[in-house]
Amino acid sequence: MKTSNQPVESDHRILSMPQTRFRHLTSPKELANGLSEGDDMRELFFSGKTGAFKTIDGIHVQPDVTSYAVDPTSFIEGFILWLAGKPEKKETWYVLDPDKKVISFEDLPAVKGPKSDMNGWRPLVSFDMRPTDNHMAGFRFTTNTDSAILAVRSLRLHTSMMNAKSDSFQFPIITIGRETFTAQGHKAWKPIFNVITWTSPPSQSAECAETHDF
């Protein structure tokens, strides 16, 4: 089993940029004032069976209502171990961390017990986003389903390609959506991350232009 855990070529542009997180961005004004730090993300999941976005404590997040600022440096790859239908362990790393230790599927610890759909290691991805129009806590979208992983990696690639051709640090403003598809004869759902615009905080743009050779 192989997964695309290495940064794509255009990811390397972001590697040279400031790695500050912006987990406290809560309004367009704060977006314009630059990036700030914090760690108040609420984990957000998507159900391929119902098409619902829900937090770990069961709160529904409605699609196509709010726009979100995505942290381009927050994309995570890795694996999650499921045993008897419950998550037991994670092995993850930030894609853009120059000191990351990438683990291949073959290097993961062996799974004890019977092999089944309920047991085993699965690919895992996540990224951070924050609503731009209010003071709600941000979300860390996390998934280990195939269709959702493809959606997250597509957003990451789009973000990397935009930064590869831009003269300033760009991060996407998105809406979250969903659509149906058929899997093994059954109706299923997959998430959609629609980029509606790109934002480059003036303070970060100036810093990048002055200190980094793009």
C-alpha atoms as a PDB file:
ATOM      1  CA  MET A   1       0.000   0.000   0.000  1.00  0.00           C
ATOM      2  CA  LYS A   2       1.451   3.347  -1.044  1.00  0.00           C
ATOM      3  CA  THR A   3       0.297   6.864  -0.238  1.00  0.00           C
ATOM      4  CA  SER A   4       1.399  10.281  -1.494  1.00  0.00           C
ATOM      5  CA  ASN A   5       2.945  11.489   1.743  1.00  0.00           C
ATOM      6  CA  GLN A   6       5.797  13.548   0.295  1.00  0.00           C
ATOM      7  CA  PRO A   7       5.223  17.238  -0.545  1.00  0.00           C
ATOM      8  CA  VAL A   8       4.387  17.898  -4.173  1.00  0.00           C
ATOM      9  CA  GLU A   9       6.870  20.059  -6.066  1.00  0.00           C
ATOM     10  CA  SER A  10       4.915  23.275  -5.523  1.00  0.00           C
ATOM     11  CA  ASP A  11       4.769  22.623  -1.751  1.00  0.00           C
ATOM     12  CA  HIS A  12       8.427  23.600  -1.510  1.00  0.00           C
ATOM     13  CA  ARG A  13       7.564  27.248  -2.111  1.00  0.00           C
ATOM     14  CA  ILE A  14       5.584  27.311   1.125  1.00  0.00           C
ATOM     15  CA  LEU A  15       8.495  25.636   2.925  1.00  0.00           C
ATOM     16  CA  SER A  16      10.481  28.858   2.576  1.00  0.00           C
ATOM     17  CA  MET A  17       7.689  30.991   4.024  1.00  0.00           C
ATOM     18  CA  PRO A  18       7.038  31.835   7.696  1.00  0.00           C
ATOM     19  CA  GLN A  19       5.486  28.812   9.399  1.00  0.00           C
ATOM     20  CA  THR A  20       3.287  30.821  11.804  1.00  0.00           C
ATOM     21  CA  ARG A  21      -0.156  29.331  12.279  1.00  0.00           C
ATOM     22  CA  PHE A  22      -3.253  31.565  12.126  1.00  0.00           C
ATOM     23  CA  ARG A  23      -5.600  29.725  14.439  1.00  0.00           C
ATOM     24  CA  HIS A  24      -6.937  32.930  16.016  1.00  0.00           C
ATOM     25  CA  LEU A  25      -8.053  34.658  12.808  1.00  0.00           C
ATOM     26  CA  THR A  26     -11.716  35.471  13.373  1.00  0.00           C
ATOM     27  CA  SER A  27     -12.674  38.281  11.007  1.00  0.00           C
ATOM     28  CA  PRO A  28     -11.690  39.885   7.675  1.00  0.00           C
ATOM     29  CA  LYS A  29     -10.063  42.702   9.671  1.00  0.00           C
ATOM     30  CA  GLU A  30      -7.872  40.255  11.548  1.00  0.00           C
ATOM     31  CA  LEU A  31      -7.049  38.491   8.284  1.00  0.00           C
ATOM     32  CA  ALA A  32      -5.710  41.791   6.981  1.00  0.00           C
ATOM     33  CA  ASN A  33      -3.692  42.352  10.161  1.00  0.00           C
ATOM     34  CA  GLY A  34      -1.626  39.218   9.601  1.00  0.00           C
ATOM     35  CA  LEU A  35      -1.221  35.789  11.147  1.00  0.00           C
ATOM     36  CA  SER A  36      -1.547  35.028  14.846  1.00  0.00           C
ATOM     37  CA  GLU A  37      -1.036  31.975  17.013  1.00  0.00           C
ATOM     38  CA  GLY A  38      -3.261  29.745  19.104  1.00  0.00           C
ATOM     39  CA  ASP A  39      -4.480  26.182  19.407  1.00  0.00           C
ATOM     40  CA  ASP A  40      -8.245  26.142  19.961  1.00  0.00           C
ATOM     41  CA  MET A  41      -9.230  23.966  17.002  1.00  0.00           C
ATOM     42  CA  ARG A  42     -12.266  21.718  17.318  1.00  0.00           C
ATOM     43  CA  GLU A  43     -11.974  18.449  15.419  1.00  0.00           C
ATOM     44  CA  LEU A  44     -14.447  18.233  12.528  1.00  0.00           C
ATOM     45  CA  PHE A  45     -15.463  15.035  10.728  1.00  0.00           C
ATOM     46  CA  PHE A  46     -17.520  14.165   7.661  1.00  0.00           C
ATOM     47  CA  SER A  47     -19.874  11.189   7.327  1.00  0.00           C
ATOM     48  CA  GLY A  48     -19.818   9.450   3.974  1.00  0.00           C
ATOM     49  CA  LYS A  49     -23.101   7.763   4.903  1.00  0.00           C
ATOM     50  CA  THR A  50     -25.155  10.853   5.825  1.00  0.00           C
ATOM     51  CA  GLY A  51     -23.215  13.736   4.269  1.00  0.00           C
ATOM     52  CA  ALA A  52     -23.032  15.509   7.628  1.00  0.00           C
ATOM     53  CA  PHE A  53     -20.176  17.640   8.950  1.00  0.00           C
ATOM     54  CA  LYS A  54     -20.024  17.089  12.727  1.00  0.00           C
ATOM     55  CA  THR A  55     -17.660  18.002  15.545  1.00  0.00           C
ATOM     56  CA  ILE A  56     -16.365  15.378  17.935  1.00  0.00           C
ATOM     57  CA  ASP A  57     -19.061  16.391  20.435  1.00  0.00           C
ATOM     58  CA  GLY A  58     -21.847  15.921  17.888  1.00  0.00           C
ATOM     59  CA  ILE A  59     -22.492  19.512  16.798  1.00  0.00           C
ATOM     60  CA  HIS A  60     -23.551  19.797  13.151  1.00  0.00           C
ATOM     61  CA  VAL A  61     -21.764  22.342  10.936  1.00  0.00           C
ATOM     62  CA  GLN A  62     -23.941  23.396   8.022  1.00  0.00           C
ATOM     63  CA  PRO A  63     -22.341  23.359   4.544  1.00  0.00           C
ATOM     64  CA  ASP A  64     -22.461  26.284   2.101  1.00  0.00           C
ATOM     65  CA  VAL A  65     -23.173  28.830   4.858  1.00  0.00           C
ATOM     66  CA  THR A  66     -19.871  30.165   6.192  1.00  0.00           C
ATOM     67  CA  SER A  67     -16.534  30.911   4.555  1.00  0.00           C
ATOM     68  CA  TYR A  68     -13.337  29.672   6.163  1.00  0.00           C
ATOM     69  CA  ALA A  69      -9.680  30.709   6.070  1.00  0.00           C
ATOM     70  CA  VAL A  70      -7.428  27.683   5.522  1.00  0.00           C
ATOM     71  CA  ASP A  71      -3.947  27.524   7.041  1.00  0.00           C
ATOM     72  CA  PRO A  72      -1.663  26.363   4.170  1.00  0.00           C
ATOM     73  CA  THR A  73       0.960  25.150   6.652  1.00  0.00           C
ATOM     74  CA  SER A  74      -1.476  22.983   8.613  1.00  0.00           C
ATOM     75  CA  PHE A  75      -1.914  20.050   6.202  1.00  0.00           C
ATOM     76  CA  ILE A  76      -1.188  16.765   7.933  1.00  0.00           C
ATOM     77  CA  GLU A  77      -0.632  13.290   6.478  1.00  0.00           C
ATOM     78  CA  GLY A  78      -0.284  10.021   8.300  1.00  0.00           C
ATOM     79  CA  PHE A  79      -2.084   6.896   9.426  1.00  0.00           C
ATOM     80  CA  ILE A  80      -4.641   5.896  12.036  1.00  0.00           C
ATOM     81  CA  LEU A  81      -4.957   2.459  13.628  1.00  0.00           C
ATOM     82  CA  TRP A  82      -8.457   1.054  14.085  1.00  0.00           C
ATOM     83  CA  LEU A  83      -9.116  -1.905  16.380  1.00  0.00           C
ATOM     84  CA  ALA A  84     -12.599  -3.352  16.864  1.00  0.00           C
ATOM     85  CA  GLY A  85     -14.068  -0.303  15.170  1.00  0.00           C
ATOM     86  CA  LYS A  86     -12.334   2.218  17.463  1.00  0.00           C
ATOM     87  CA  PRO A  87      -9.321   4.492  16.803  1.00  0.00           C
ATOM     88  CA  GLU A  88      -6.338   3.367  18.856  1.00  0.00           C
ATOM     89  CA  LYS A  89      -3.253   5.199  17.617  1.00  0.00           C
ATOM     90  CA  LYS A  90      -2.097   7.827  15.123  1.00  0.00           C
ATOM     91  CA  GLU A  91       1.177   8.365  13.273  1.00  0.00           C
ATOM     92  CA  THR A  92       1.095  11.830  11.666  1.00  0.00           C
ATOM     93  CA  TRP A  93       3.317  14.670  10.465  1.00  0.00           C
ATOM     94  CA  TYR A  94       2.941  18.148   8.986  1.00  0.00           C
ATOM     95  CA  VAL A  95       3.552  17.917   5.238  1.00  0.00           C
ATOM     96  CA  LEU A  96       5.502  21.185   5.193  1.00  0.00           C
ATOM     97  CA  ASP A  97       7.616  20.524   8.282  1.00  0.00           C
ATOM     98  CA  PRO A  98      11.211  20.377   7.011  1.00  0.00           C
ATOM     99  CA  ASP A  99      12.131  18.172   9.998  1.00  0.00           C
ATOM    100  CA  LYS A 100       9.212  15.772   9.601  1.00  0.00           C
ATOM    101  CA  LYS A 101       9.676  12.023   9.815  1.00  0.00           C
ATOM    102  CA  VAL A 102       7.602  10.427   7.067  1.00  0.00           C
ATOM    103  CA  ILE A 103       6.453   6.898   7.861  1.00  0.00           C
ATOM    104  CA  SER A 104       5.615   4.462   5.080  1.00  0.00           C
ATOM    105  CA  PHE A 105       2.819   1.931   5.402  1.00  0.00           C
ATOM    106  CA  GLU A 106       5.383  -0.875   5.416  1.00  0.00           C
ATOM    107  CA  ASP A 107       7.096   0.634   8.490  1.00  0.00           C
ATOM    108  CA  LEU A 108       3.960   0.716  10.658  1.00  0.00           C
ATOM    109  CA  PRO A 109       3.749  -1.713  13.589  1.00  0.00           C
ATOM    110  CA  ALA A 110       2.030  -5.002  12.839  1.00  0.00           C
ATOM    111  CA  VAL A 111      -1.622  -5.220  13.815  1.00  0.00           C
ATOM    112  CA  LYS A 112      -2.422  -7.878  16.386  1.00  0.00           C
ATOM    113  CA  GLY A 113      -5.640  -9.829  16.127  1.00  0.00           C
ATOM    114  CA  PRO A 114      -7.782 -10.929  13.185  1.00  0.00           C
ATOM    115  CA  LYS A 115      -7.628  -8.951   9.972  1.00  0.00           C
ATOM    116  CA  SER A 116     -10.924  -7.311   9.025  1.00  0.00           C
ATOM    117  CA  ASP A 117     -12.471  -4.010   7.929  1.00  0.00           C
ATOM    118  CA  MET A 118     -12.659  -3.122  11.634  1.00  0.00           C
ATOM    119  CA  ASN A 119      -8.945  -3.612  12.257  1.00  0.00           C
ATOM    120  CA  GLY A 120      -5.879  -2.084  10.649  1.00  0.00           C
ATOM    121  CA  TRP A 121      -3.992   1.043   9.661  1.00  0.00           C
ATOM    122  CA  ARG A 122      -5.633   3.540   7.315  1.00  0.00           C
ATOM    123  CA  PRO A 123      -4.356   6.763   5.708  1.00  0.00           C
ATOM    124  CA  LEU A 124      -5.270   9.921   7.636  1.00  0.00           C
ATOM    125  CA  VAL A 125      -5.228  13.583   6.571  1.00  0.00           C
ATOM    126  CA  SER A 126      -6.262  16.853   8.202  1.00  0.00           C
ATOM    127  CA  PHE A 127      -6.029  20.639   7.913  1.00  0.00           C
ATOM    128  CA  ASP A 128      -7.029  23.708   9.944  1.00  0.00           C
ATOM    129  CA  MET A 129      -9.623  26.323   8.999  1.00  0.00           C
ATOM    130  CA  ARG A 130     -11.399  29.172  10.778  1.00  0.00           C
ATOM    131  CA  PRO A 131     -14.678  30.960  10.055  1.00  0.00           C
ATOM    132  CA  THR A 132     -13.979  34.435   8.671  1.00  0.00           C
ATOM    133  CA  ASP A 133     -17.252  36.101   9.674  1.00  0.00           C
ATOM    134  CA  ASN A 134     -17.563  35.507  13.417  1.00  0.00           C
ATOM    135  CA  HIS A 135     -15.667  34.617  16.579  1.00  0.00           C
ATOM    136  CA  MET A 136     -16.286  30.880  16.588  1.00  0.00           C
ATOM    137  CA  ALA A 137     -13.451  28.500  17.324  1.00  0.00           C
ATOM    138  CA  GLY A 138     -11.662  27.085  14.327  1.00  0.00           C
ATOM    139  CA  PHE A 139     -11.923  23.544  13.016  1.00  0.00           C
ATOM    140  CA  ARG A 140      -9.378  20.834  12.294  1.00  0.00           C
ATOM    141  CA  PHE A 141     -10.979  18.758   9.556  1.00  0.00           C
ATOM    142  CA  THR A 142      -9.816  15.154   9.917  1.00  0.00           C
ATOM    143  CA  THR A 143     -10.664  12.134   7.782  1.00  0.00           C
ATOM    144  CA  ASN A 144      -9.553   8.624   6.859  1.00  0.00           C
ATOM    145  CA  THR A 145     -12.117   7.876   4.114  1.00  0.00           C
ATOM    146  CA  ASP A 146     -10.918   7.611   0.525  1.00  0.00           C
ATOM    147  CA  SER A 147     -13.203  10.229  -1.059  1.00  0.00           C
ATOM    148  CA  ALA A 148     -12.587  12.801   1.679  1.00  0.00           C
ATOM    149  CA  ILE A 149      -8.819  12.213   1.554  1.00  0.00           C
ATOM    150  CA  LEU A 150      -8.893  12.964  -2.181  1.00  0.00           C
ATOM    151  CA  ALA A 151     -10.810  16.194  -1.497  1.00  0.00           C
ATOM    152  CA  VAL A 152      -8.280  17.337   1.121  1.00  0.00           C
ATOM    153  CA  ARG A 153      -5.289  16.498  -1.075  1.00  0.00           C
ATOM    154  CA  SER A 154      -6.907  18.338  -3.992  1.00  0.00           C
ATOM    155  CA  LEU A 155      -7.245  21.457  -1.797  1.00  0.00           C
ATOM    156  CA  ARG A 156      -3.637  21.107  -0.660  1.00  0.00           C
ATOM    157  CA  LEU A 157      -2.419  20.800  -4.261  1.00  0.00           C
ATOM    158  CA  HIS A 158      -4.498  23.807  -5.345  1.00  0.00           C
ATOM    159  CA  THR A 159      -3.027  25.846  -2.472  1.00  0.00           C
ATOM    160  CA  SER A 160       0.531  24.763  -3.271  1.00  0.00           C
ATOM    161  CA  MET A 161       0.148  25.570  -6.969  1.00  0.00           C
ATOM    162  CA  MET A 162      -1.228  29.039  -6.181  1.00  0.00           C
ATOM    163  CA  ASN A 163       1.720  29.793  -3.897  1.00  0.00           C
ATOM    164  CA  ALA A 164       4.159  28.421  -6.470  1.00  0.00           C
ATOM    165  CA  LYS A 165       3.166  31.122  -8.954  1.00  0.00           C
ATOM    166  CA  SER A 166       2.436  33.999  -6.559  1.00  0.00           C
ATOM    167  CA  ASP A 167       4.810  36.749  -5.455  1.00  0.00           C
ATOM    168  CA  SER A 168       3.192  36.848  -2.000  1.00  0.00           C
ATOM    169  CA  PHE A 169       1.990  34.318   0.549  1.00  0.00           C
ATOM    170  CA  GLN A 170      -1.518  33.192  -0.440  1.00  0.00           C
ATOM    171  CA  PHE A 171      -4.015  31.230   1.598  1.00  0.00           C
ATOM    172  CA  PRO A 172      -7.465  30.125   0.420  1.00  0.00           C
ATOM    173  CA  ILE A 173     -10.854  31.250   1.631  1.00  0.00           C
ATOM    174  CA  ILE A 174     -13.231  28.315   1.146  1.00  0.00           C
ATOM    175  CA  THR A 175     -16.762  27.111   1.652  1.00  0.00           C
ATOM    176  CA  ILE A 176     -17.486  23.517   2.565  1.00  0.00           C
ATOM    177  CA  GLY A 177     -19.986  21.491   0.575  1.00  0.00           C
ATOM    178  CA  ARG A 178     -20.934  17.931  -0.278  1.00  0.00           C
ATOM    179  CA  GLU A 179     -22.120  15.806  -3.165  1.00  0.00           C
ATOM    180  CA  THR A 180     -23.372  12.288  -3.709  1.00  0.00           C
ATOM    181  CA  PHE A 181     -21.801   9.435  -5.625  1.00  0.00           C
ATOM    182  CA  THR A 182     -22.424   5.720  -5.977  1.00  0.00           C
ATOM    183  CA  ALA A 183     -20.102   3.229  -4.286  1.00  0.00           C
ATOM    184  CA  GLN A 184     -20.659  -0.498  -4.724  1.00  0.00           C
ATOM    185  CA  GLY A 185     -24.252   0.168  -5.720  1.00  0.00           C
ATOM    186  CA  HIS A 186     -25.018   2.361  -2.707  1.00  0.00           C
ATOM    187  CA  LYS A 187     -25.466   6.125  -2.346  1.00  0.00           C
ATOM    188  CA  ALA A 188     -22.588   7.801  -0.548  1.00  0.00           C
ATOM    189  CA  TRP A 189     -21.406  11.341   0.168  1.00  0.00           C
ATOM    190  CA  LYS A 190     -18.085  13.116  -0.239  1.00  0.00           C
ATOM    191  CA  PRO A 191     -17.007  16.576   0.965  1.00  0.00           C
ATOM    192  CA  ILE A 192     -16.186  19.465  -1.351  1.00  0.00           C
ATOM    193  CA  PHE A 193     -13.884  22.367  -0.485  1.00  0.00           C
ATOM    194  CA  ASN A 194     -14.656  25.269  -2.821  1.00  0.00           C
ATOM    195  CA  VAL A 195     -12.019  28.003  -3.032  1.00  0.00           C
ATOM    196  CA  ILE A 196     -13.912  31.296  -3.423  1.00  0.00           C
ATOM    197  CA  THR A 197     -10.964  33.689  -3.158  1.00  0.00           C
ATOM    198  CA  TRP A 198      -7.347  34.023  -2.056  1.00  0.00           C
ATOM    199  CA  THR A 199      -5.976  36.324   0.655  1.00  0.00           C
ATOM    200  CA  SER A 200      -2.486  37.563   1.368  1.00  0.00           C
ATOM    201  CA  PRO A 201      -2.096  39.553   4.617  1.00  0.00           C
ATOM    202  CA  PRO A 202      -0.123  42.758   3.845  1.00  0.00           C
ATOM    203  CA  SER A 203       2.346  42.239   6.702  1.00  0.00           C
ATOM    204  CA  GLN A 204       3.147  38.706   5.588  1.00  0.00           C
ATOM    205  CA  SER A 205       3.352  39.695   1.922  1.00  0.00           C
ATOM    206  CA  ALA A 206       5.938  42.355   2.672  1.00  0.00           C
ATOM    207  CA  GLU A 207       7.963  40.038   4.888  1.00  0.00           C
ATOM    208  CA  CYS A 208       8.006  37.281   2.301  1.00  0.00           C
ATOM    209  CA  ALA A 209       8.957  39.639  -0.510  1.00  0.00           C
ATOM    210  CA  GLU A 210      11.853  41.065   1.489  1.00  0.00           C
ATOM    211  CA  THR A 211      13.295  37.903   3.010  1.00  0.00           C
ATOM    212  CA  HIS A 212      12.606  35.040   0.641  1.00  0.00           C
ATOM    213  CA  ASP A 213      13.739  34.206  -2.859  1.00  0.00           C
ATOM    214  CA  PHE A 214      10.734  32.726  -4.610  1.00  0.00           C
END
